[in-house]
Amino acid sequence: MRISDALRDLVFAPGDDPTTFDRYFSPTYTHRLDGAPMDRQAFEAMLAGLRRRVESGTVTVLDELTEGSRYAERHVYEATLTDGTKVKAESYVFGTLAADGRFDQLSETGVPLA
């Protein structure tokens, strides 16, 4: 399980399979973005909003570590928005996996690159 795969499938891939979110995130999932907490419902809504605004994108994994239930990934994503704006940023993600291997909690921060 990689957060970069979730990003590809939920934001950058064409189509809208309603089971995709559940494949990656546990029922008790929580997310913290730059210190701001979100429950599972708010995070899913945020991703849906991104999907509507993103025309295309890529994710390149720079580092990844899984040890037991602990997870960390550093990646760079590049996206073209529907208005033509280009975005490039590096993200740092740390968290835990649920017993079934899905993400249970992630904290994320990042920096713009371009």
N, C-alpha and C. Protein backbone atom coordinates (compact mmCIF):
# COMPACT_ATOMS: atom_id res chain seq x y z
N MET A 1 0.86 -1.18 0.00
CA MET A 1 0.00 0.00 0.00
C MET A 1 0.90 1.23 0.00
N ARG A 2 0.68 2.11 -0.96
CA ARG A 2 1.45 3.35 -1.06
C ARG A 2 0.49 4.53 -1.18
N ILE A 3 0.80 5.62 -0.50
CA ILE A 3 -0.04 6.80 -0.62
C ILE A 3 0.05 7.38 -2.03
N SER A 4 1.19 7.21 -2.68
CA SER A 4 1.32 7.70 -4.06
C SER A 4 0.36 6.96 -4.99
N ASP A 5 0.14 5.66 -4.76
CA ASP A 5 -0.83 4.91 -5.57
C ASP A 5 -2.25 5.43 -5.32
N ALA A 6 -2.57 5.73 -4.07
CA ALA A 6 -3.89 6.29 -3.75
C ALA A 6 -4.08 7.62 -4.46
N LEU A 7 -3.04 8.46 -4.45
CA LEU A 7 -3.12 9.76 -5.14
C LEU A 7 -3.35 9.57 -6.63
N ARG A 8 -2.62 8.64 -7.24
CA ARG A 8 -2.80 8.36 -8.67
C ARG A 8 -4.24 7.91 -8.95
N ASP A 9 -4.72 6.95 -8.15
CA ASP A 9 -6.03 6.36 -8.41
C ASP A 9 -7.19 7.31 -8.07
N LEU A 10 -7.03 8.12 -7.04
CA LEU A 10 -8.14 8.96 -6.57
C LEU A 10 -8.16 10.37 -7.14
N VAL A 11 -7.01 10.85 -7.63
CA VAL A 11 -6.97 12.23 -8.14
C VAL A 11 -6.59 12.27 -9.61
N PHE A 12 -5.61 11.49 -10.03
CA PHE A 12 -5.08 11.61 -11.40
C PHE A 12 -5.70 10.64 -12.41
N ALA A 13 -6.24 9.52 -11.99
CA ALA A 13 -6.77 8.52 -12.92
C ALA A 13 -8.15 8.92 -13.44
N PRO A 14 -8.43 8.62 -14.69
CA PRO A 14 -9.77 8.90 -15.21
C PRO A 14 -10.80 7.96 -14.58
N GLY A 15 -12.03 8.38 -14.58
CA GLY A 15 -13.10 7.55 -14.02
C GLY A 15 -13.35 7.88 -12.56
N ASP A 16 -14.41 7.28 -12.04
CA ASP A 16 -14.79 7.56 -10.65
C ASP A 16 -15.38 6.30 -10.06
N ASP A 17 -14.53 5.38 -9.61
CA ASP A 17 -14.96 4.14 -9.00
C ASP A 17 -15.20 4.39 -7.51
N PRO A 18 -16.43 4.27 -7.03
CA PRO A 18 -16.72 4.59 -5.63
C PRO A 18 -16.05 3.66 -4.62
N THR A 19 -15.54 2.51 -5.05
CA THR A 19 -14.87 1.59 -4.13
C THR A 19 -13.39 1.90 -3.94
N THR A 20 -12.84 2.79 -4.76
CA THR A 20 -11.40 3.06 -4.71
C THR A 20 -10.97 3.64 -3.36
N PHE A 21 -11.72 4.59 -2.83
CA PHE A 21 -11.34 5.20 -1.56
C PHE A 21 -11.26 4.15 -0.46
N ASP A 22 -12.24 3.26 -0.39
CA ASP A 22 -12.26 2.21 0.64
C ASP A 22 -11.10 1.23 0.49
N ARG A 23 -10.60 1.06 -0.70
CA ARG A 23 -9.46 0.16 -0.93
C ARG A 23 -8.21 0.64 -0.19
N TYR A 24 -8.06 1.96 -0.02
CA TYR A 24 -6.86 2.53 0.56
C TYR A 24 -7.01 2.97 2.02
N PHE A 25 -8.21 3.35 2.45
CA PHE A 25 -8.38 4.01 3.75
C PHE A 25 -9.35 3.25 4.64
N SER A 26 -8.94 3.05 5.90
CA SER A 26 -9.75 2.33 6.88
C SER A 26 -11.00 3.14 7.25
N PRO A 27 -12.01 2.49 7.84
CA PRO A 27 -13.22 3.21 8.26
C PRO A 27 -12.94 4.28 9.32
N THR A 28 -11.86 4.14 10.08
CA THR A 28 -11.53 5.10 11.14
C THR A 28 -10.44 6.09 10.71
N TYR A 29 -10.17 6.16 9.43
CA TYR A 29 -9.07 6.99 8.91
C TYR A 29 -9.19 8.46 9.34
N THR A 30 -8.03 9.04 9.70
CA THR A 30 -7.92 10.48 9.95
C THR A 30 -6.70 11.00 9.21
N HIS A 31 -6.77 12.27 8.82
CA HIS A 31 -5.69 12.90 8.05
C HIS A 31 -5.36 14.25 8.69
N ARG A 32 -4.10 14.58 8.69
CA ARG A 32 -3.66 15.88 9.18
C ARG A 32 -2.83 16.51 8.06
N LEU A 33 -3.27 17.65 7.55
CA LEU A 33 -2.58 18.34 6.47
C LEU A 33 -2.06 19.66 7.00
N ASP A 34 -0.74 19.79 7.06
CA ASP A 34 -0.09 20.99 7.61
C ASP A 34 -0.66 21.35 8.98
N GLY A 35 -0.92 20.33 9.78
CA GLY A 35 -1.39 20.53 11.15
C GLY A 35 -2.89 20.58 11.31
N ALA A 36 -3.64 20.71 10.22
CA ALA A 36 -5.10 20.79 10.30
C ALA A 36 -5.71 19.38 10.21
N PRO A 37 -6.45 18.95 11.24
CA PRO A 37 -7.01 17.60 11.23
C PRO A 37 -8.27 17.49 10.37
N MET A 38 -8.45 16.31 9.76
CA MET A 38 -9.65 16.01 8.97
C MET A 38 -10.09 14.60 9.32
N ASP A 39 -11.38 14.40 9.42
CA ASP A 39 -11.87 13.03 9.55
C ASP A 39 -11.95 12.41 8.16
N ARG A 40 -12.34 11.17 8.10
CA ARG A 40 -12.37 10.43 6.84
C ARG A 40 -13.28 11.11 5.81
N GLN A 41 -14.44 11.55 6.25
CA GLN A 41 -15.40 12.19 5.35
C GLN A 41 -14.84 13.48 4.76
N ALA A 42 -14.21 14.31 5.59
CA ALA A 42 -13.64 15.57 5.11
C ALA A 42 -12.48 15.31 4.15
N PHE A 43 -11.67 14.30 4.43
CA PHE A 43 -10.55 13.97 3.55
C PHE A 43 -11.06 13.47 2.20
N GLU A 44 -12.07 12.62 2.22
CA GLU A 44 -12.64 12.12 0.97
C GLU A 44 -13.23 13.26 0.14
N ALA A 45 -13.88 14.21 0.80
CA ALA A 45 -14.43 15.37 0.10
C ALA A 45 -13.32 16.24 -0.49
N MET A 46 -12.21 16.39 0.26
CA MET A 46 -11.08 17.16 -0.25
C MET A 46 -10.51 16.52 -1.52
N LEU A 47 -10.36 15.19 -1.50
CA LEU A 47 -9.84 14.49 -2.69
C LEU A 47 -10.79 14.62 -3.87
N ALA A 48 -12.08 14.54 -3.62
CA ALA A 48 -13.06 14.70 -4.71
C ALA A 48 -12.96 16.10 -5.31
N GLY A 49 -12.75 17.11 -4.48
CA GLY A 49 -12.57 18.47 -4.97
C GLY A 49 -11.31 18.61 -5.81
N LEU A 50 -10.23 17.96 -5.38
CA LEU A 50 -9.00 17.98 -6.17
C LEU A 50 -9.22 17.32 -7.52
N ARG A 51 -9.90 16.18 -7.51
CA ARG A 51 -10.15 15.45 -8.75
C ARG A 51 -10.89 16.31 -9.76
N ARG A 52 -11.83 17.11 -9.30
CA ARG A 52 -12.58 17.99 -10.21
C ARG A 52 -11.71 19.09 -10.80
N ARG A 53 -10.67 19.50 -10.08
CA ARG A 53 -9.81 20.60 -10.53
C ARG A 53 -8.55 20.16 -11.28
N VAL A 54 -8.23 18.86 -11.24
CA VAL A 54 -7.00 18.36 -11.85
C VAL A 54 -7.30 17.74 -13.21
N GLU A 55 -6.59 18.22 -14.22
CA GLU A 55 -6.70 17.66 -15.57
C GLU A 55 -5.84 16.40 -15.70
N SER A 56 -4.60 16.48 -15.21
CA SER A 56 -3.68 15.35 -15.29
C SER A 56 -2.58 15.53 -14.26
N GLY A 57 -1.86 14.43 -13.96
CA GLY A 57 -0.78 14.55 -12.99
C GLY A 57 0.04 13.29 -12.89
N THR A 58 1.20 13.45 -12.25
CA THR A 58 2.10 12.33 -12.00
C THR A 58 2.63 12.42 -10.57
N VAL A 59 3.06 11.28 -10.06
CA VAL A 59 3.67 11.20 -8.74
C VAL A 59 4.95 10.40 -8.87
N THR A 60 6.05 10.92 -8.31
CA THR A 60 7.32 10.22 -8.30
C THR A 60 7.73 10.00 -6.85
N VAL A 61 7.86 8.73 -6.46
CA VAL A 61 8.25 8.39 -5.09
C VAL A 61 9.76 8.56 -4.95
N LEU A 62 10.17 9.35 -3.96
CA LEU A 62 11.59 9.57 -3.69
C LEU A 62 12.10 8.66 -2.58
N ASP A 63 11.31 8.48 -1.53
CA ASP A 63 11.65 7.61 -0.41
C ASP A 63 10.38 7.00 0.13
N GLU A 64 10.49 5.76 0.61
CA GLU A 64 9.34 5.12 1.24
C GLU A 64 9.85 4.12 2.27
N LEU A 65 9.16 4.05 3.39
CA LEU A 65 9.54 3.13 4.45
C LEU A 65 8.28 2.60 5.12
N THR A 66 8.21 1.30 5.26
CA THR A 66 7.16 0.67 6.05
C THR A 66 7.85 -0.24 7.06
N GLU A 67 7.51 -0.07 8.33
CA GLU A 67 8.04 -0.93 9.38
C GLU A 67 6.89 -1.27 10.32
N GLY A 68 6.45 -2.52 10.24
CA GLY A 68 5.27 -2.90 11.01
C GLY A 68 4.08 -2.08 10.54
N SER A 69 3.44 -1.39 11.46
CA SER A 69 2.29 -0.57 11.08
C SER A 69 2.67 0.88 10.79
N ARG A 70 3.95 1.19 10.86
CA ARG A 70 4.40 2.57 10.58
C ARG A 70 4.70 2.74 9.09
N TYR A 71 4.37 3.92 8.57
CA TYR A 71 4.52 4.19 7.14
C TYR A 71 5.05 5.60 6.94
N ALA A 72 5.95 5.77 5.97
CA ALA A 72 6.44 7.09 5.59
C ALA A 72 6.72 7.10 4.09
N GLU A 73 6.42 8.22 3.44
CA GLU A 73 6.73 8.38 2.02
C GLU A 73 7.03 9.83 1.74
N ARG A 74 8.03 10.04 0.89
CA ARG A 74 8.34 11.38 0.37
C ARG A 74 8.19 11.27 -1.14
N HIS A 75 7.37 12.16 -1.70
CA HIS A 75 7.16 12.11 -3.15
C HIS A 75 7.03 13.52 -3.73
N VAL A 76 7.21 13.58 -5.04
CA VAL A 76 6.99 14.81 -5.79
C VAL A 76 5.80 14.57 -6.70
N TYR A 77 4.86 15.50 -6.68
CA TYR A 77 3.76 15.40 -7.63
C TYR A 77 3.76 16.63 -8.53
N GLU A 78 3.35 16.39 -9.76
CA GLU A 78 3.18 17.46 -10.74
C GLU A 78 1.77 17.32 -11.29
N ALA A 79 1.06 18.44 -11.38
CA ALA A 79 -0.32 18.40 -11.87
C ALA A 79 -0.59 19.58 -12.78
N THR A 80 -1.45 19.33 -13.75
CA THR A 80 -2.00 20.39 -14.58
C THR A 80 -3.46 20.53 -14.20
N LEU A 81 -3.85 21.72 -13.78
CA LEU A 81 -5.23 21.97 -13.37
C LEU A 81 -6.10 22.24 -14.59
N THR A 82 -7.39 22.19 -14.40
CA THR A 82 -8.32 22.38 -15.52
C THR A 82 -8.22 23.78 -16.11
N ASP A 83 -7.71 24.76 -15.34
CA ASP A 83 -7.54 26.12 -15.88
C ASP A 83 -6.17 26.32 -16.54
N GLY A 84 -5.38 25.22 -16.65
CA GLY A 84 -4.07 25.29 -17.29
C GLY A 84 -2.91 25.54 -16.34
N THR A 85 -3.18 25.89 -15.10
CA THR A 85 -2.13 26.11 -14.10
C THR A 85 -1.33 24.83 -13.87
N LYS A 86 -0.02 24.96 -13.76
CA LYS A 86 0.86 23.83 -13.45
C LYS A 86 1.29 23.93 -11.99
N VAL A 87 1.27 22.80 -11.29
CA VAL A 87 1.63 22.73 -9.88
C VAL A 87 2.68 21.64 -9.72
N LYS A 88 3.72 21.93 -8.91
CA LYS A 88 4.73 20.93 -8.59
C LYS A 88 5.10 21.13 -7.13
N ALA A 89 5.08 20.03 -6.36
CA ALA A 89 5.38 20.12 -4.94
C ALA A 89 5.98 18.81 -4.45
N GLU A 90 6.69 18.91 -3.33
CA GLU A 90 7.23 17.74 -2.65
C GLU A 90 6.43 17.56 -1.38
N SER A 91 5.96 16.33 -1.13
CA SER A 91 5.15 16.03 0.05
C SER A 91 5.87 15.02 0.94
N TYR A 92 5.66 15.19 2.24
CA TYR A 92 6.22 14.31 3.27
C TYR A 92 5.04 13.75 4.04
N VAL A 93 4.90 12.43 4.05
CA VAL A 93 3.74 11.77 4.64
C VAL A 93 4.22 10.73 5.65
N PHE A 94 3.64 10.78 6.86
CA PHE A 94 3.98 9.84 7.93
C PHE A 94 2.68 9.34 8.53
N GLY A 95 2.62 8.06 8.92
CA GLY A 95 1.40 7.60 9.54
C GLY A 95 1.43 6.15 9.95
N THR A 96 0.22 5.60 10.11
CA THR A 96 0.08 4.22 10.54
C THR A 96 -0.91 3.48 9.64
N LEU A 97 -0.70 2.18 9.57
CA LEU A 97 -1.57 1.29 8.81
C LEU A 97 -2.49 0.56 9.78
N ALA A 98 -3.72 0.29 9.35
CA ALA A 98 -4.65 -0.51 10.12
C ALA A 98 -4.21 -1.98 10.03
N ALA A 99 -4.81 -2.83 10.84
CA ALA A 99 -4.47 -4.26 10.84
C ALA A 99 -4.68 -4.91 9.47
N ASP A 100 -5.63 -4.39 8.67
CA ASP A 100 -5.89 -4.96 7.34
C ASP A 100 -4.98 -4.39 6.25
N GLY A 101 -4.03 -3.48 6.64
CA GLY A 101 -3.06 -2.94 5.69
C GLY A 101 -3.46 -1.62 5.06
N ARG A 102 -4.69 -1.17 5.29
CA ARG A 102 -5.10 0.13 4.76
C ARG A 102 -4.59 1.25 5.66
N PHE A 103 -4.55 2.46 5.12
CA PHE A 103 -4.11 3.60 5.92
C PHE A 103 -5.14 3.91 7.00
N ASP A 104 -4.65 4.12 8.23
CA ASP A 104 -5.52 4.45 9.34
C ASP A 104 -5.35 5.90 9.79
N GLN A 105 -4.13 6.41 9.66
CA GLN A 105 -3.85 7.80 10.04
C GLN A 105 -2.64 8.25 9.25
N LEU A 106 -2.72 9.44 8.66
CA LEU A 106 -1.58 10.03 7.98
C LEU A 106 -1.47 11.51 8.34
N SER A 107 -0.24 11.97 8.48
CA SER A 107 0.07 13.39 8.64
C SER A 107 0.92 13.80 7.45
N GLU A 108 0.60 14.93 6.84
CA GLU A 108 1.24 15.34 5.60
C GLU A 108 1.61 16.82 5.66
N THR A 109 2.76 17.11 5.10
CA THR A 109 3.15 18.48 4.86
C THR A 109 3.96 18.50 3.58
N GLY A 110 4.25 19.68 3.07
CA GLY A 110 5.00 19.74 1.83
C GLY A 110 5.47 21.13 1.49
N VAL A 111 6.21 21.21 0.39
CA VAL A 111 6.72 22.49 -0.08
C VAL A 111 6.53 22.59 -1.59
N PRO A 112 6.15 23.77 -2.09
CA PRO A 112 6.06 23.95 -3.55
C PRO A 112 7.46 23.92 -4.16
N LEU A 113 7.57 23.39 -5.37
CA LEU A 113 8.86 23.29 -6.06
C LEU A 113 8.94 24.20 -7.27
N ALA A 114 7.83 24.63 -7.79
CA ALA A 114 7.88 25.48 -8.99
C ALA A 114 6.90 26.61 -8.86
